[in-house]
Amino acid sequence: MSSRRNTLIRTVAALCGDIAVGVGLATACAWVIEVAALGLFLSFLLWLVGALLALALSQYLVHPAAQLVLSDRKLDAACKALASFTHTTPKTGAQVSEEVMDFGRKSWDSVAERMRKAL
C-alpha cells in the first residue's frame, strides 16, 4: 500500500514540476518574442528551443529532484507524522469518493438555488 501511495505522490509531484517548467519556459519564450519583435521563423525556432529545454530540464532536473526529495523513507515518515496529528482512522477510497460526491452535490444544489432566486 505505501509503495503505491509513494509512487502516486512522486508522480503527481513530478507532473506538477513538469507543468511548472513548461509554463515558465513558455512565458519566457512569449516575453522574448514580444520584446524582441521576432519574425515568424525566429519565433518558431525559439519555441522549438524552449520545448527542448523544457524536456531537458524535466528529465535532468525535475525528475531526479522528485526522486531525491520524495524518497520512500521520507514519504513514510511524513505520512506517519500527518496521521499522528489527525488522530483518526484512515478512510477508504469509497468513503473519500462518497464525501467528495456529497460535497459536489451540495455545491451544485446551492448554485442551482441561487440561480432560481435570481430569476
Protein backbone atom coordinates (compact mmCIF):
# COMPACT_ATOMS: atom_id res chain seq x y z
CA MET A 1 0.00 0.00 0.00
CA SER A 2 2.67 2.53 0.97
CA SER A 3 4.68 1.75 -2.17
CA ARG A 4 1.72 2.57 -4.41
CA ARG A 5 0.95 5.67 -2.35
CA ASN A 6 4.56 6.87 -2.57
CA THR A 7 4.66 6.24 -6.31
CA LEU A 8 1.46 8.24 -6.74
CA ILE A 9 2.82 11.13 -4.66
CA ARG A 10 6.09 11.18 -6.61
CA THR A 11 4.24 11.01 -9.92
CA VAL A 12 1.97 13.91 -9.03
CA ALA A 13 4.91 15.97 -7.76
CA ALA A 14 6.94 15.28 -10.91
CA LEU A 15 3.96 16.12 -13.13
CA CYS A 16 3.43 19.41 -11.29
CA GLY A 17 7.13 20.17 -11.70
CA ASP A 18 6.95 19.38 -15.41
CA ILE A 19 3.97 21.69 -15.83
CA ALA A 20 5.73 24.45 -13.88
CA VAL A 21 8.86 24.18 -16.03
CA GLY A 22 6.80 24.15 -19.23
CA VAL A 23 4.72 27.16 -18.25
CA GLY A 24 7.81 29.05 -17.11
CA LEU A 25 9.65 28.47 -20.35
CA ALA A 26 6.55 29.22 -22.44
CA THR A 27 6.19 32.51 -20.60
CA ALA A 28 9.86 33.31 -21.18
CA CYS A 29 9.56 32.48 -24.88
CA ALA A 30 6.45 34.63 -25.27
CA TRP A 31 8.18 37.51 -23.48
CA VAL A 32 11.29 37.28 -25.68
CA ILE A 33 9.16 37.14 -28.83
CA GLU A 34 7.20 40.24 -27.78
CA VAL A 35 10.18 42.28 -26.60
CA ALA A 36 12.47 41.41 -29.49
CA ALA A 37 9.67 41.59 -32.10
CA LEU A 38 10.92 38.37 -33.68
CA GLY A 39 9.66 37.25 -37.04
CA LEU A 40 7.78 34.06 -37.71
CA PHE A 41 10.80 31.85 -38.39
CA LEU A 42 12.79 33.06 -35.37
CA SER A 43 9.71 32.72 -33.19
CA PHE A 44 9.32 29.13 -34.35
CA LEU A 45 12.97 28.42 -33.56
CA LEU A 46 12.62 29.98 -30.14
CA TRP A 47 9.55 27.86 -29.36
CA LEU A 48 11.42 24.77 -30.55
CA VAL A 49 14.44 25.55 -28.37
CA GLY A 50 12.12 26.32 -25.45
CA ALA A 51 10.32 22.99 -25.83
CA LEU A 52 13.61 21.08 -25.98
CA LEU A 53 14.91 22.99 -22.96
CA ALA A 54 11.71 22.20 -21.04
CA LEU A 55 12.11 18.49 -21.83
CA ALA A 56 15.76 18.56 -20.78
CA LEU A 57 15.01 20.39 -17.52
CA SER A 58 12.21 17.96 -16.80
CA GLN A 59 14.38 14.92 -17.46
CA TYR A 60 17.58 16.06 -15.76
CA LEU A 61 16.33 18.37 -13.00
CA VAL A 62 12.70 17.85 -12.01
CA HIS A 63 12.51 14.04 -12.01
CA PRO A 64 15.82 13.44 -10.16
CA ALA A 65 14.85 16.13 -7.62
CA ALA A 66 11.48 14.47 -7.06
CA GLN A 67 13.18 11.10 -6.56
CA LEU A 68 15.72 12.60 -4.15
CA VAL A 69 13.36 14.76 -2.10
CA LEU A 70 10.48 12.28 -2.06
CA SER A 71 12.21 9.03 -1.12
CA ASP A 72 10.16 6.18 0.36
CA ARG A 73 11.62 6.69 3.83
CA LYS A 74 10.84 10.43 3.82
CA LEU A 75 7.32 9.95 2.49
CA ASP A 76 6.54 7.23 5.04
CA ALA A 77 7.80 9.44 7.86
CA ALA A 78 5.75 12.39 6.60
CA CYS A 79 2.59 10.28 6.32
CA LYS A 80 3.09 8.92 9.84
CA ALA A 81 3.60 12.45 11.17
CA LEU A 82 0.46 13.72 9.45
CA ALA A 83 -1.55 10.71 10.64
CA SER A 84 -0.43 11.33 14.22
CA PHE A 85 -1.80 14.89 14.00
CA THR A 86 -5.24 13.78 12.88
CA HIS A 87 -5.88 11.02 15.46
CA THR A 88 -8.37 9.45 13.07
CA THR A 89 -8.51 6.21 11.20
CA PRO A 90 -7.64 6.37 7.52
CA LYS A 91 -10.61 6.36 5.16
CA THR A 92 -11.02 4.02 2.26
CA GLY A 93 -11.29 5.25 -1.31
CA ALA A 94 -15.04 4.59 -1.32
CA GLN A 95 -15.55 6.77 1.75
CA VAL A 96 -13.48 9.59 0.31
CA SER A 97 -15.28 9.48 -3.04
CA GLU A 98 -18.64 9.44 -1.23
CA GLU A 99 -17.70 12.60 0.67
CA VAL A 100 -16.45 14.29 -2.49
CA MET A 101 -19.68 13.43 -4.31
CA ASP A 102 -21.75 14.75 -1.40
CA PHE A 103 -19.77 17.98 -1.40
CA GLY A 104 -20.21 18.36 -5.16
CA ARG A 105 -23.94 17.63 -4.91
CA LYS A 106 -24.41 20.20 -2.11
CA SER A 107 -22.39 22.79 -4.03
CA TRP A 108 -24.42 22.22 -7.19
CA ASP A 109 -27.68 22.43 -5.22
CA SER A 110 -26.51 25.70 -3.68
CA VAL A 111 -25.67 27.17 -7.09
CA ALA A 112 -28.97 26.00 -8.55
CA GLU A 113 -30.88 27.51 -5.62
CA ARG A 114 -29.12 30.87 -6.10
CA MET A 115 -29.91 30.81 -9.81
CA ARG A 116 -33.59 30.12 -9.07
CA LYS A 117 -33.70 33.04 -6.64
CA ALA A 118 -32.03 35.33 -9.19
CA LEU A 119 -34.66 34.54 -11.81
